[in-house]
N, C-alpha and C. Protein backbone atom coordinates (compact mmCIF):
# COMPACT_ATOMS: atom_id res chain seq x y z
N MET A 1 69.66 -100.88 -89.90
CA MET A 1 70.69 -101.41 -90.78
C MET A 1 71.67 -100.30 -91.10
N GLY A 2 72.95 -100.57 -90.97
CA GLY A 2 73.98 -99.60 -91.30
C GLY A 2 74.21 -99.52 -92.80
N ILE A 3 75.06 -98.60 -93.17
CA ILE A 3 75.33 -98.40 -94.59
C ILE A 3 76.17 -99.54 -95.16
N LEU A 4 76.96 -100.20 -94.32
CA LEU A 4 77.78 -101.32 -94.77
C LEU A 4 77.04 -102.62 -94.54
N ALA A 5 77.15 -103.53 -95.50
CA ALA A 5 76.46 -104.81 -95.42
C ALA A 5 77.29 -105.81 -94.62
N ARG A 6 76.76 -106.27 -93.52
CA ARG A 6 77.41 -107.29 -92.69
C ARG A 6 78.90 -107.03 -92.49
N PRO A 7 79.26 -105.90 -91.92
CA PRO A 7 80.69 -105.60 -91.80
C PRO A 7 81.39 -106.52 -90.81
N GLU A 8 82.59 -106.89 -91.18
CA GLU A 8 83.46 -107.64 -90.27
C GLU A 8 84.43 -106.63 -89.68
N GLU A 9 84.52 -106.59 -88.37
CA GLU A 9 85.44 -105.67 -87.71
C GLU A 9 86.75 -106.38 -87.42
N MET A 10 87.83 -105.64 -87.63
CA MET A 10 89.15 -106.15 -87.25
C MET A 10 90.05 -104.98 -86.90
N THR A 11 91.02 -105.26 -86.07
CA THR A 11 91.95 -104.21 -85.67
C THR A 11 92.95 -103.96 -86.79
N VAL A 12 93.68 -102.87 -86.67
CA VAL A 12 94.73 -102.56 -87.64
C VAL A 12 95.74 -103.70 -87.67
N SER A 13 96.08 -104.23 -86.52
CA SER A 13 97.04 -105.35 -86.46
C SER A 13 96.52 -106.57 -87.21
N GLU A 14 95.24 -106.90 -87.00
CA GLU A 14 94.65 -108.04 -87.71
C GLU A 14 94.62 -107.77 -89.22
N ALA A 15 94.31 -106.55 -89.61
CA ALA A 15 94.29 -106.20 -91.03
C ALA A 15 95.68 -106.32 -91.64
N THR A 16 96.69 -105.91 -90.88
CA THR A 16 98.07 -106.01 -91.34
C THR A 16 98.45 -107.48 -91.55
N GLN A 17 98.05 -108.33 -90.61
CA GLN A 17 98.34 -109.77 -90.73
C GLN A 17 97.63 -110.39 -91.93
N ARG A 18 96.41 -109.94 -92.19
CA ARG A 18 95.65 -110.47 -93.31
C ARG A 18 96.23 -109.98 -94.63
N GLY A 19 96.77 -108.78 -94.63
CA GLY A 19 97.39 -108.23 -95.83
C GLY A 19 96.37 -107.65 -96.79
N VAL A 20 96.89 -106.87 -97.72
CA VAL A 20 96.01 -106.22 -98.70
C VAL A 20 95.26 -107.27 -99.52
N ALA A 21 95.95 -108.30 -99.96
CA ALA A 21 95.31 -109.33 -100.78
C ALA A 21 94.16 -109.99 -100.03
N GLY A 22 94.36 -110.24 -98.74
CA GLY A 22 93.30 -110.84 -97.93
C GLY A 22 92.11 -109.92 -97.76
N LEU A 23 92.37 -108.63 -97.54
CA LEU A 23 91.28 -107.67 -97.40
C LEU A 23 90.51 -107.52 -98.70
N VAL A 24 91.23 -107.49 -99.82
CA VAL A 24 90.58 -107.38 -101.13
C VAL A 24 89.73 -108.62 -101.41
N ALA A 25 90.23 -109.78 -101.05
CA ALA A 25 89.47 -111.02 -101.25
C ALA A 25 88.17 -110.99 -100.45
N GLU A 26 88.24 -110.50 -99.21
CA GLU A 26 87.03 -110.36 -98.40
C GLU A 26 86.02 -109.45 -99.09
N ALA A 27 86.49 -108.32 -99.58
CA ALA A 27 85.61 -107.36 -100.25
C ALA A 27 85.00 -107.98 -101.50
N GLU A 28 85.80 -108.70 -102.26
CA GLU A 28 85.29 -109.34 -103.48
C GLU A 28 84.22 -110.38 -103.17
N ARG A 29 84.32 -111.00 -102.00
CA ARG A 29 83.30 -111.98 -101.59
C ARG A 29 82.05 -111.31 -101.05
N GLY A 30 82.08 -109.97 -100.95
CA GLY A 30 80.90 -109.26 -100.48
C GLY A 30 80.92 -108.90 -99.02
N THR A 31 82.04 -109.16 -98.34
CA THR A 31 82.14 -108.81 -96.93
C THR A 31 82.79 -107.45 -96.79
N ASP A 32 82.08 -106.52 -96.18
CA ASP A 32 82.66 -105.21 -95.87
C ASP A 32 83.51 -105.36 -94.62
N VAL A 33 84.68 -104.77 -94.63
CA VAL A 33 85.60 -104.87 -93.50
C VAL A 33 85.79 -103.49 -92.89
N VAL A 34 85.55 -103.39 -91.60
CA VAL A 34 85.78 -102.15 -90.87
C VAL A 34 87.04 -102.36 -90.02
N VAL A 35 88.03 -101.50 -90.25
CA VAL A 35 89.29 -101.59 -89.52
C VAL A 35 89.23 -100.61 -88.35
N THR A 36 89.57 -101.10 -87.16
CA THR A 36 89.49 -100.27 -85.96
C THR A 36 90.87 -100.07 -85.33
N ARG A 37 91.00 -98.95 -84.65
CA ARG A 37 92.19 -98.66 -83.84
C ARG A 37 91.66 -98.19 -82.49
N HIS A 38 92.09 -98.83 -81.44
CA HIS A 38 91.60 -98.52 -80.09
C HIS A 38 90.07 -98.59 -80.05
N ARG A 39 89.52 -99.62 -80.70
CA ARG A 39 88.07 -99.89 -80.74
C ARG A 39 87.25 -98.83 -81.49
N ARG A 40 87.91 -97.96 -82.22
CA ARG A 40 87.20 -96.93 -83.00
C ARG A 40 87.42 -97.19 -84.48
N PRO A 41 86.35 -97.17 -85.30
CA PRO A 41 86.51 -97.38 -86.74
C PRO A 41 87.38 -96.29 -87.36
N VAL A 42 88.36 -96.71 -88.17
CA VAL A 42 89.25 -95.75 -88.83
C VAL A 42 89.28 -95.93 -90.34
N ALA A 43 88.81 -97.07 -90.84
CA ALA A 43 88.82 -97.31 -92.28
C ALA A 43 87.83 -98.42 -92.61
N ALA A 44 87.45 -98.46 -93.89
CA ALA A 44 86.57 -99.53 -94.36
C ALA A 44 87.08 -100.02 -95.71
N VAL A 45 86.98 -101.32 -95.92
CA VAL A 45 87.34 -101.91 -97.20
C VAL A 45 86.07 -102.53 -97.77
N VAL A 46 85.67 -102.02 -98.93
CA VAL A 46 84.46 -102.52 -99.58
C VAL A 46 84.76 -102.79 -101.04
N ALA A 47 83.98 -103.65 -101.67
CA ALA A 47 84.13 -103.91 -103.10
C ALA A 47 83.83 -102.63 -103.87
N TYR A 48 84.51 -102.44 -104.99
CA TYR A 48 84.32 -101.22 -105.77
C TYR A 48 82.87 -101.10 -106.24
N GLN A 49 82.26 -102.20 -106.61
CA GLN A 49 80.84 -102.18 -107.03
C GLN A 49 79.97 -101.66 -105.88
N ARG A 50 80.26 -102.08 -104.67
CA ARG A 50 79.50 -101.60 -103.50
C ARG A 50 79.70 -100.10 -103.31
N LEU A 51 80.93 -99.63 -103.49
CA LEU A 51 81.23 -98.20 -103.38
C LEU A 51 80.43 -97.41 -104.42
N GLU A 52 80.35 -97.92 -105.65
CA GLU A 52 79.57 -97.25 -106.69
C GLU A 52 78.09 -97.21 -106.30
N GLU A 53 77.57 -98.32 -105.75
CA GLU A 53 76.17 -98.35 -105.31
C GLU A 53 75.93 -97.31 -104.23
N LEU A 54 76.83 -97.23 -103.26
CA LEU A 54 76.68 -96.25 -102.18
C LEU A 54 76.74 -94.83 -102.72
N SER A 55 77.58 -94.60 -103.70
CA SER A 55 77.69 -93.28 -104.31
C SER A 55 76.40 -92.91 -105.04
N GLU A 56 75.82 -93.87 -105.76
CA GLU A 56 74.56 -93.62 -106.46
C GLU A 56 73.43 -93.34 -105.48
N VAL A 57 73.39 -94.09 -104.38
CA VAL A 57 72.36 -93.87 -103.36
C VAL A 57 72.51 -92.48 -102.76
N ALA A 58 73.74 -92.06 -102.48
CA ALA A 58 73.97 -90.73 -101.92
C ALA A 58 73.50 -89.65 -102.90
N GLU A 59 73.78 -89.84 -104.19
CA GLU A 59 73.34 -88.87 -105.20
C GLU A 59 71.81 -88.83 -105.28
N ASP A 60 71.17 -90.00 -105.24
CA ASP A 60 69.71 -90.05 -105.26
C ASP A 60 69.12 -89.35 -104.04
N LEU A 61 69.73 -89.54 -102.89
CA LEU A 61 69.24 -88.89 -101.66
C LEU A 61 69.38 -87.38 -101.74
N ARG A 62 70.49 -86.90 -102.32
CA ARG A 62 70.65 -85.44 -102.50
C ARG A 62 69.56 -84.90 -103.43
N ASP A 63 69.29 -85.62 -104.52
CA ASP A 63 68.24 -85.19 -105.45
C ASP A 63 66.88 -85.18 -104.76
N LEU A 64 66.60 -86.20 -103.97
CA LEU A 64 65.33 -86.29 -103.26
C LEU A 64 65.20 -85.15 -102.26
N ALA A 65 66.28 -84.86 -101.52
CA ALA A 65 66.24 -83.76 -100.55
C ALA A 65 65.98 -82.44 -101.25
N LEU A 66 66.60 -82.22 -102.40
CA LEU A 66 66.37 -80.99 -103.16
C LEU A 66 64.92 -80.90 -103.62
N ALA A 67 64.38 -82.00 -104.14
CA ALA A 67 63.00 -82.00 -104.60
C ALA A 67 62.04 -81.74 -103.44
N LEU A 68 62.29 -82.36 -102.29
CA LEU A 68 61.43 -82.15 -101.12
C LEU A 68 61.51 -80.70 -100.63
N ALA A 69 62.71 -80.14 -100.62
CA ALA A 69 62.87 -78.75 -100.18
C ALA A 69 62.16 -77.80 -101.13
N ARG A 70 62.28 -78.05 -102.42
CA ARG A 70 61.60 -77.21 -103.40
C ARG A 70 60.08 -77.32 -103.24
N HIS A 71 59.62 -78.53 -103.02
CA HIS A 71 58.18 -78.73 -102.84
C HIS A 71 57.67 -78.02 -101.58
N ALA A 72 58.47 -78.06 -100.53
CA ALA A 72 58.06 -77.46 -99.25
C ALA A 72 57.91 -75.95 -99.34
N VAL A 73 58.70 -75.30 -100.17
CA VAL A 73 58.66 -73.83 -100.24
C VAL A 73 57.96 -73.31 -101.49
N ASP A 74 57.46 -74.21 -102.33
CA ASP A 74 56.80 -73.79 -103.57
C ASP A 74 55.45 -73.17 -103.26
N ASP A 75 55.29 -71.90 -103.63
CA ASP A 75 54.01 -71.22 -103.40
C ASP A 75 53.14 -71.20 -104.66
N GLY A 76 53.61 -71.84 -105.71
CA GLY A 76 52.82 -71.93 -106.94
C GLY A 76 53.00 -70.75 -107.88
N GLN A 77 53.62 -69.69 -107.43
CA GLN A 77 53.83 -68.54 -108.30
C GLN A 77 54.99 -68.81 -109.24
N ARG A 78 54.82 -68.40 -110.48
CA ARG A 78 55.87 -68.56 -111.48
C ARG A 78 56.18 -67.21 -112.09
N THR A 79 57.43 -67.02 -112.51
CA THR A 79 57.85 -65.78 -113.15
C THR A 79 58.26 -66.11 -114.57
N SER A 80 57.74 -65.36 -115.51
CA SER A 80 58.06 -65.63 -116.91
C SER A 80 59.48 -65.17 -117.21
N LEU A 81 60.06 -65.75 -118.25
CA LEU A 81 61.39 -65.35 -118.69
C LEU A 81 61.41 -63.88 -119.08
N ASP A 82 60.36 -63.43 -119.75
CA ASP A 82 60.31 -62.03 -120.17
C ASP A 82 60.32 -61.08 -118.96
N ALA A 83 59.64 -61.45 -117.88
CA ALA A 83 59.63 -60.61 -116.68
C ALA A 83 61.01 -60.56 -116.04
N VAL A 84 61.72 -61.66 -116.03
CA VAL A 84 63.07 -61.69 -115.47
C VAL A 84 64.00 -60.85 -116.33
N LEU A 85 63.91 -61.02 -117.65
CA LEU A 85 64.75 -60.22 -118.55
C LEU A 85 64.49 -58.73 -118.36
N GLU A 86 63.23 -58.37 -118.26
CA GLU A 86 62.88 -56.96 -118.06
C GLU A 86 63.46 -56.42 -116.75
N ALA A 87 63.44 -57.24 -115.71
CA ALA A 87 63.98 -56.81 -114.41
C ALA A 87 65.47 -56.50 -114.51
N TYR A 88 66.14 -57.15 -115.45
CA TYR A 88 67.58 -56.93 -115.63
C TYR A 88 67.87 -56.02 -116.83
N GLY A 89 66.83 -55.40 -117.36
CA GLY A 89 67.03 -54.43 -118.43
C GLY A 89 67.28 -55.04 -119.80
N HIS A 90 66.76 -56.23 -120.02
CA HIS A 90 66.96 -56.89 -121.31
C HIS A 90 65.63 -57.34 -121.89
N THR A 91 65.70 -57.71 -123.15
CA THR A 91 64.58 -58.36 -123.83
C THR A 91 65.16 -59.56 -124.56
N ARG A 92 64.31 -60.38 -125.10
CA ARG A 92 64.81 -61.52 -125.88
C ARG A 92 65.63 -61.02 -127.07
N GLU A 93 65.16 -59.92 -127.65
CA GLU A 93 65.86 -59.36 -128.81
C GLU A 93 67.24 -58.83 -128.43
N SER A 94 67.33 -58.15 -127.25
CA SER A 94 68.63 -57.61 -126.85
C SER A 94 69.62 -58.72 -126.54
N LEU A 95 69.11 -59.83 -126.02
CA LEU A 95 70.01 -60.98 -125.78
C LEU A 95 70.45 -61.60 -127.09
N ALA A 96 69.53 -61.70 -128.04
CA ALA A 96 69.86 -62.30 -129.35
C ALA A 96 70.91 -61.43 -130.08
N ALA A 97 70.90 -60.12 -129.83
CA ALA A 97 71.84 -59.21 -130.50
C ALA A 97 73.24 -59.25 -129.90
N LEU A 98 73.40 -59.87 -128.72
CA LEU A 98 74.72 -59.95 -128.10
C LEU A 98 75.64 -60.86 -128.91
N PRO A 99 76.92 -60.49 -129.01
CA PRO A 99 77.86 -61.33 -129.76
C PRO A 99 78.10 -62.65 -129.04
N ASP A 100 78.26 -63.71 -129.80
CA ASP A 100 78.61 -65.02 -129.23
C ASP A 100 80.07 -65.03 -128.86
N GLU A 101 80.36 -65.44 -127.66
CA GLU A 101 81.75 -65.49 -127.23
C GLU A 101 82.09 -66.86 -126.76
């Protein structure tokens, strides 16, 4: 299954004949339209709600990929905040003493 739901393909000429209002009506009815030039897809018209859904799915997939990558390289070792601060020459107290900017 592709990312677009039941796409209808049409050439640029056909899309021009249908007009913007016709393409928008198709999208509102739930039909994704793929516009082609020389048999190659060059544009897609989808309902805005569908675009939001696709955007959310892409964000979820990025989060999942990050979680899987972190899991794959996690060796179980943890570093305390105090150890990190010490490595950079600070303590919790020295950070608390810094002026707020």
